[in-house]
Amino acid sequence: AILIPVIVKSGVRLRPNFHWSSLGKSAHLAKWTMIFVLINQAGFMVIVNLATAASVRAKESGIDVGVGFTPYQNAHFIFLLPHSIIAVSLVTALLPRISRLAAEAQISDVRNEIQQALLNLYSLIIPAAFAMLFLGQPIAHLIFAGSSSADAGQIGMILSGFALGLIPFCSSYVMLRGFYAFEDTKTPAAITLLMNFVTILCAGISYLVLPIRLITVGIAVSFGIGYLSSSFLARHLLTKQIGSMTIRRELISIIFISALAFAPCLLISGLLENLLNSGEPNAITSLLTLVIAGAIALPIYAGLGYRLKVSSIIFAADSLKKRLAKR
C-alpha cells in the first residue's frame, strides 16, 4: 500500500487484471517456493526445541545464565544485520538484471553478473564475519547493555559461533537467485532440504555431546555448517547451468586478508578489558574496544587489499571513499 503512491507518481498506470488463467505458471513456481518455506519452518522448529531443551537442562543443573532460545535468537538478530544491509541490497539490484539476461539466453552474462556480485559481496561480508568472530563479546555487551554481563557474554559466544556461517549463508542467498532467474524454484527447495538436514544433524550432535552452556553455541555453528553444505551444492548445480565461476583465488585472498586484519582485535579486546574494567564488561568499554579495533583493522584490510591488488577489496574501498567524499 505504501508503494502505490510511488508507483502512480512514477507514471505507471495500475489497473486490475482478472485473467486468472495467466496465473497457472506462477502457481507452479509458487508451489515449490511454498515447499521451500515449509522445509525451513520445519528445520526452525527443531532448532527452537533443541535450544529450549538446553534451557530446561540448564535450569535443572542450577545454571542461571541465559542458555536457551532467547540468547540464540538475539545473537541471530545481530548476525542478520550484515546480510540484510549488504547481501539483500546487492541481490535487489542483481535479480532483475540476471532475470532479463536469462530470458534472453545470455548465459555467459548471467554467470559474469553472479560472479561479480559474489566477489563484491565477499569483500564486505567476510570482514564482517571475522569482526563478529573476534569481537562477538564487545558487540553483545554494547547492544545488550541492559542485560546482565553473563547473559550478554552468552549472546557474544553464540554470535561468534554464527560468525563464519555468514559467508556461506550470504553465498547461498545469492546463488539461489541464479536459479530463480531461470524460473527454477524446485532446485532451491532441494538445496534447502539438504541445508536443514545437515543443520539438524549437527545441532543434534551438539545437544548430545557439548556442555550445557555451549549447546546453543554449537547450534549456531551447525547453522553455518548447514549453509556451507548448501552453498557447495548450489554452486555445483548452478555451474552446470551457467558454467564455471572463477572466484576461488580471490575468495581465498579476501579470507586471508580479513583474518590478518581482524586478528589483532582479540588482543585489543583483552588489553582494554584489563586496563579499563574495574569489574565486568560494560557498554563504554565495549564501544571503545569496537572503535579502536575498527580503526586498526579496516585500514589494514584496505591496505593489504590494495597491496595485493585484490580487485573486489579495491572496489569496496573506492566505493566507500566516494560515499564519504559526497557526504
Protein backbone atom coordinates (compact mmCIF):
# COMPACT_ATOMS: atom_id res chain seq x y z
CA ALA A 1 0.00 0.00 0.00
CA ILE A 2 2.86 2.38 0.81
CA LEU A 3 4.34 1.77 -2.65
CA ILE A 4 1.14 2.61 -4.57
CA PRO A 5 1.62 6.43 -4.45
CA VAL A 6 5.25 5.99 -5.54
CA ILE A 7 4.20 3.77 -8.46
CA VAL A 8 1.49 6.21 -9.54
CA LYS A 9 3.92 9.15 -9.29
CA SER A 10 6.41 7.29 -11.49
CA GLY A 11 3.84 7.23 -14.30
CA VAL A 12 2.95 3.53 -14.15
CA ARG A 13 -0.78 3.01 -14.66
CA LEU A 14 -2.35 0.47 -12.35
CA ARG A 15 -5.45 -1.44 -13.34
CA PRO A 16 -6.96 -4.73 -12.14
CA ASN A 17 -6.44 -7.84 -14.23
CA PHE A 18 -8.84 -10.76 -13.77
CA HIS A 19 -7.25 -13.11 -16.32
CA TRP A 20 -6.81 -15.88 -13.76
CA SER A 21 -5.65 -18.39 -16.36
CA SER A 22 -2.36 -16.49 -16.68
CA LEU A 23 -1.57 -17.40 -13.06
CA GLY A 24 -1.03 -21.09 -13.88
CA LYS A 25 2.72 -20.77 -14.36
CA SER A 26 3.06 -18.58 -11.28
CA ALA A 27 1.12 -21.12 -9.22
CA HIS A 28 3.50 -23.88 -10.34
CA LEU A 29 6.53 -21.80 -9.33
CA ALA A 30 4.86 -20.80 -6.06
CA LYS A 31 4.21 -24.44 -5.17
CA TRP A 32 7.93 -25.16 -4.84
CA THR A 33 8.51 -21.84 -3.08
CA MET A 34 5.88 -22.85 -0.52
CA ILE A 35 7.64 -26.21 -0.05
CA PHE A 36 10.92 -24.28 0.40
CA VAL A 37 9.30 -22.22 3.18
CA LEU A 38 7.76 -25.27 4.88
CA ILE A 39 11.11 -27.10 4.91
CA ASN A 40 12.77 -24.07 6.53
CA GLN A 41 9.98 -23.75 9.08
CA ALA A 42 10.24 -27.44 10.00
CA GLY A 43 14.00 -27.06 10.48
CA PHE A 44 13.45 -23.91 12.53
CA MET A 45 11.01 -25.74 14.83
CA VAL A 46 13.61 -28.43 15.55
CA ILE A 47 16.22 -25.77 16.39
CA VAL A 48 13.75 -23.96 18.69
CA ASN A 49 13.03 -27.21 20.54
CA LEU A 50 16.72 -28.11 20.91
CA ALA A 51 17.59 -24.64 22.24
CA THR A 52 14.60 -24.70 24.61
CA ALA A 53 15.54 -28.17 25.83
CA ALA A 54 19.04 -26.82 26.55
CA SER A 55 17.43 -24.11 28.70
CA VAL A 56 15.45 -26.73 30.65
CA ARG A 57 18.62 -28.76 31.24
CA ALA A 58 20.41 -25.60 32.40
CA LYS A 59 17.72 -24.84 34.99
CA GLU A 60 17.77 -28.42 36.23
CA SER A 61 21.54 -28.15 36.65
CA GLY A 62 21.31 -24.84 38.50
CA ILE A 63 22.76 -22.74 35.67
CA ASP A 64 21.06 -19.32 35.73
CA VAL A 65 22.98 -17.76 32.82
CA GLY A 66 20.83 -17.25 29.69
CA VAL A 67 21.12 -20.60 27.96
CA GLY A 68 18.29 -21.31 25.52
CA PHE A 69 16.44 -19.99 22.54
CA THR A 70 16.28 -16.32 23.61
CA PRO A 71 20.08 -15.67 23.56
CA TYR A 72 20.30 -17.76 20.39
CA GLN A 73 17.65 -15.58 18.73
CA ASN A 74 19.24 -12.34 19.95
CA ALA A 75 22.61 -13.40 18.52
CA HIS A 76 20.86 -14.38 15.28
CA PHE A 77 19.34 -10.89 15.00
CA ILE A 78 22.84 -9.34 15.14
CA PHE A 79 24.17 -11.96 12.72
CA LEU A 80 21.48 -10.99 10.18
CA LEU A 81 22.41 -7.29 10.10
CA PRO A 82 25.30 -7.50 7.57
CA HIS A 83 23.23 -9.88 5.44
CA SER A 84 20.22 -7.56 5.49
CA ILE A 85 22.22 -4.44 4.69
CA ILE A 86 24.72 -5.85 2.18
CA ALA A 87 23.51 -9.11 0.63
CA VAL A 88 19.85 -8.11 0.28
CA SER A 89 20.85 -4.77 -1.28
CA LEU A 90 23.11 -6.48 -3.83
CA VAL A 91 20.51 -9.08 -4.75
CA THR A 92 17.76 -6.45 -5.08
CA ALA A 93 19.84 -4.86 -7.84
CA LEU A 94 21.08 -8.17 -9.28
CA LEU A 95 17.91 -10.24 -9.74
CA PRO A 96 16.16 -8.07 -12.37
CA ARG A 97 19.36 -7.94 -14.45
CA ILE A 98 20.08 -11.66 -14.42
CA SER A 99 16.40 -12.49 -14.97
CA ARG A 100 16.40 -10.37 -18.12
CA LEU A 101 19.66 -11.92 -19.31
CA ALA A 102 18.37 -15.44 -18.59
CA ALA A 103 15.20 -14.72 -20.56
CA GLU A 104 17.37 -13.61 -23.48
CA ALA A 105 19.52 -16.79 -23.14
CA GLN A 106 22.68 -14.73 -22.49
CA ILE A 107 24.12 -17.38 -20.18
CA SER A 108 27.70 -16.09 -20.05
CA ASP A 109 26.43 -12.66 -18.98
CA VAL A 110 24.34 -14.26 -16.23
CA ARG A 111 27.47 -16.04 -15.00
CA ASN A 112 29.53 -12.84 -15.09
CA GLU A 113 26.88 -10.89 -13.16
CA ILE A 114 26.56 -13.55 -10.44
CA GLN A 115 30.34 -13.93 -10.20
CA GLN A 116 30.87 -10.19 -9.82
CA ALA A 117 28.03 -9.93 -7.29
CA LEU A 118 29.61 -12.71 -5.20
CA LEU A 119 33.03 -11.04 -5.24
CA ASN A 120 31.54 -7.66 -4.26
CA LEU A 121 29.59 -9.42 -1.52
CA TYR A 122 32.66 -11.25 -0.19
CA SER A 123 34.67 -8.04 0.04
CA LEU A 124 32.17 -6.72 2.61
CA ILE A 125 30.69 -9.83 4.23
CA ILE A 126 33.95 -11.67 5.01
CA PRO A 127 35.48 -8.85 7.11
CA ALA A 128 32.10 -8.53 8.87
CA ALA A 129 32.23 -12.26 9.65
CA PHE A 130 35.72 -12.01 11.15
CA ALA A 131 34.68 -8.93 13.13
CA MET A 132 31.84 -10.97 14.66
CA LEU A 133 34.18 -13.89 15.28
CA PHE A 134 36.80 -11.85 17.14
CA LEU A 135 34.57 -9.13 18.61
CA GLY A 136 31.42 -11.07 19.48
CA GLN A 137 31.74 -10.22 23.18
CA PRO A 138 32.06 -6.40 22.93
CA ILE A 139 29.35 -6.30 20.24
CA ALA A 140 26.93 -8.19 22.51
CA HIS A 141 27.86 -6.19 25.62
CA LEU A 142 27.25 -2.94 23.71
CA ILE A 143 23.93 -3.90 22.09
CA PHE A 144 22.56 -5.70 25.15
CA ALA A 145 23.99 -3.31 27.74
CA GLY A 146 20.77 -3.57 29.77
CA SER A 147 21.24 -7.31 30.29
CA SER A 148 23.47 -8.88 32.90
CA SER A 149 27.11 -9.30 31.93
CA ALA A 150 26.76 -13.10 31.96
CA ASP A 151 23.74 -13.05 29.65
CA ALA A 152 25.42 -10.61 27.24
CA GLY A 153 28.54 -12.78 27.33
CA GLN A 154 26.48 -15.83 26.35
CA ILE A 155 24.99 -13.91 23.40
CA GLY A 156 28.52 -12.88 22.40
CA MET A 157 29.69 -16.51 22.39
CA ILE A 158 26.72 -17.55 20.24
CA LEU A 159 27.38 -14.64 17.86
CA SER A 160 30.97 -15.81 17.44
CA GLY A 161 29.58 -19.29 16.75
CA PHE A 162 27.40 -17.85 14.00
CA ALA A 163 30.20 -15.69 12.56
CA LEU A 164 31.87 -17.79 9.87
CA GLY A 165 28.46 -19.12 8.81
CA LEU A 166 27.73 -15.63 7.49
CA ILE A 167 29.88 -16.32 4.41
CA PRO A 168 28.08 -19.47 3.14
CA PHE A 169 24.71 -18.06 4.27
CA CYS A 170 25.08 -14.99 2.04
CA SER A 171 26.72 -17.01 -0.77
CA SER A 172 23.79 -19.42 -0.84
CA TYR A 173 21.35 -16.48 -0.84
CA VAL A 174 22.96 -15.01 -3.97
CA MET A 175 23.35 -18.30 -5.82
CA LEU A 176 19.74 -19.35 -5.25
CA ARG A 177 18.72 -16.19 -7.12
CA GLY A 178 20.57 -17.65 -10.10
CA PHE A 179 18.02 -20.49 -10.17
CA TYR A 180 15.14 -18.07 -9.71
CA ALA A 181 16.38 -16.08 -12.72
CA PHE A 182 15.75 -19.21 -14.81
CA GLU A 183 12.31 -19.64 -13.17
CA ASP A 184 13.56 -22.70 -11.31
CA THR A 185 12.08 -22.89 -7.81
CA LYS A 186 12.35 -26.68 -7.48
CA THR A 187 16.16 -26.80 -7.17
CA PRO A 188 16.28 -24.24 -4.30
CA ALA A 189 13.75 -26.39 -2.42
CA ALA A 190 16.05 -29.43 -2.77
CA ILE A 191 19.07 -27.36 -1.69
CA THR A 192 17.31 -26.06 1.42
CA LEU A 193 16.30 -29.62 2.29
CA LEU A 194 20.00 -30.58 2.41
CA MET A 195 20.82 -27.47 4.43
CA ASN A 196 18.19 -28.26 7.07
CA PHE A 197 19.17 -31.92 7.25
CA VAL A 198 22.84 -31.08 7.88
CA THR A 199 21.97 -28.29 10.35
CA ILE A 200 19.63 -30.50 12.36
CA LEU A 201 22.13 -33.38 12.38
CA CYS A 202 24.97 -31.18 13.64
CA ALA A 203 22.69 -29.37 16.11
CA GLY A 204 21.51 -32.72 17.49
CA ILE A 205 25.12 -33.84 17.97
CA SER A 206 25.88 -30.51 19.71
CA TYR A 207 22.95 -31.06 22.07
CA LEU A 208 24.14 -34.54 22.97
CA VAL A 209 27.90 -34.01 23.38
CA LEU A 210 28.57 -30.38 24.35
CA PRO A 211 28.48 -28.89 27.86
CA ILE A 212 25.14 -27.20 28.59
CA ARG A 213 26.48 -23.63 28.26
CA LEU A 214 27.93 -24.41 24.82
CA ILE A 215 24.89 -26.17 23.30
CA THR A 216 23.44 -23.01 21.73
CA VAL A 217 26.93 -22.04 20.53
CA GLY A 218 27.15 -25.46 18.85
CA ILE A 219 23.72 -24.96 17.28
CA ALA A 220 24.92 -21.62 15.88
CA VAL A 221 27.99 -23.33 14.39
CA SER A 222 25.67 -26.02 12.99
CA PHE A 223 23.73 -23.28 11.18
CA GLY A 224 26.91 -22.29 9.34
CA ILE A 225 27.82 -25.91 8.55
CA GLY A 226 24.35 -26.45 7.10
CA TYR A 227 24.67 -23.43 4.84
CA LEU A 228 28.20 -24.42 3.88
CA SER A 229 26.88 -27.73 2.55
CA SER A 230 24.01 -26.00 0.72
CA SER A 231 26.31 -23.38 -0.82
CA PHE A 232 28.59 -26.13 -2.19
CA LEU A 233 25.59 -27.91 -3.68
CA ALA A 234 24.12 -24.67 -5.04
CA ARG A 235 27.40 -23.76 -6.73
CA HIS A 236 27.79 -27.26 -8.19
CA LEU A 237 24.28 -27.24 -9.67
CA LEU A 238 24.43 -23.62 -10.80
CA THR A 239 27.75 -24.04 -12.63
CA LYS A 240 26.20 -26.92 -14.56
CA GLN A 241 23.68 -24.41 -15.84
CA ILE A 242 25.77 -21.28 -16.38
CA GLY A 243 29.36 -22.56 -16.49
CA SER A 244 32.25 -22.42 -14.04
CA MET A 245 32.83 -19.29 -11.93
CA THR A 246 36.44 -18.23 -11.30
CA ILE A 247 36.22 -16.78 -7.80
CA ARG A 248 38.21 -19.23 -5.67
CA ARG A 249 41.56 -17.40 -5.77
CA GLU A 250 40.08 -14.02 -4.89
CA LEU A 251 37.86 -15.58 -2.20
CA ILE A 252 40.90 -17.15 -0.50
CA SER A 253 42.73 -13.79 -0.69
CA ILE A 254 39.83 -11.96 0.98
CA ILE A 255 39.59 -14.58 3.75
CA PHE A 256 43.35 -14.42 4.38
CA ILE A 257 43.44 -10.60 4.43
CA SER A 258 40.35 -10.40 6.69
CA ALA A 259 41.86 -12.87 9.17
CA LEU A 260 45.12 -10.89 9.30
CA ALA A 261 43.32 -7.55 9.64
CA PHE A 262 40.93 -8.57 12.42
CA ALA A 263 43.15 -10.98 14.38
CA PRO A 264 44.64 -8.06 16.44
CA CYS A 265 41.09 -7.35 17.65
CA LEU A 266 41.40 -10.25 20.09
CA LEU A 267 44.48 -8.67 21.66
CA ILE A 268 42.90 -5.21 21.71
CA SER A 269 39.78 -6.53 23.43
CA GLY A 270 41.79 -8.33 26.10
CA LEU A 271 44.11 -5.38 26.77
CA LEU A 272 41.27 -2.86 27.11
CA GLU A 273 39.36 -5.12 29.47
CA ASN A 274 42.41 -5.38 31.71
CA LEU A 275 43.21 -1.66 31.54
CA LEU A 276 39.74 -0.12 31.79
CA ASN A 277 37.45 -2.58 33.50
CA SER A 278 37.09 -2.36 37.21
CA GLY A 279 34.91 -5.43 37.06
CA GLU A 280 32.66 -6.78 34.33
CA PRO A 281 32.50 -5.55 30.71
CA ASN A 282 30.16 -2.63 30.12
CA ALA A 283 28.80 -0.55 27.22
CA ILE A 284 31.51 2.14 27.42
CA THR A 285 34.48 -0.22 27.35
CA SER A 286 32.79 -2.32 24.65
CA LEU A 287 32.20 0.76 22.48
CA LEU A 288 35.81 1.87 22.95
CA THR A 289 37.02 -1.63 22.05
CA LEU A 290 34.98 -1.65 18.84
CA VAL A 291 36.09 1.85 17.81
CA ILE A 292 39.80 1.12 18.35
CA ALA A 293 39.55 -2.32 16.75
CA GLY A 294 37.79 -0.88 13.71
CA ALA A 295 40.30 1.96 13.42
CA ILE A 296 43.13 -0.60 13.30
CA ALA A 297 41.52 -3.46 11.34
CA LEU A 298 39.84 -1.56 8.49
CA PRO A 299 42.97 0.31 7.28
CA ILE A 300 44.94 -2.97 7.42
CA TYR A 301 42.20 -4.70 5.40
CA ALA A 302 42.05 -1.96 2.75
CA GLY A 303 45.84 -1.51 2.69
CA LEU A 304 46.54 -5.21 2.14
CA GLY A 305 43.79 -5.32 -0.48
CA TYR A 306 45.48 -2.52 -2.46
CA ARG A 307 48.93 -4.01 -1.89
CA LEU A 308 47.92 -7.48 -3.11
CA LYS A 309 45.72 -6.00 -5.86
CA VAL A 310 42.51 -7.78 -4.82
CA SER A 311 40.02 -6.14 -7.17
CA SER A 312 36.88 -6.63 -5.06
CA ILE A 313 38.52 -5.08 -1.95
CA ILE A 314 39.76 -2.15 -4.05
CA PHE A 315 36.23 -1.75 -5.43
CA ALA A 316 34.71 -1.77 -1.91
CA ALA A 317 37.28 0.70 -0.56
CA ASP A 318 36.88 3.06 -3.52
CA SER A 319 33.08 2.94 -3.22
CA LEU A 320 33.32 3.83 0.47
CA LYS A 321 35.71 6.71 -0.30
CA LYS A 322 33.28 8.10 -2.90
CA ARG A 323 30.37 7.93 -0.48
CA LEU A 324 32.33 9.66 2.27
CA ALA A 325 33.55 12.33 -0.17
CA LYS A 326 29.97 13.10 -1.26
CA ARG A 327 28.85 13.46 2.35
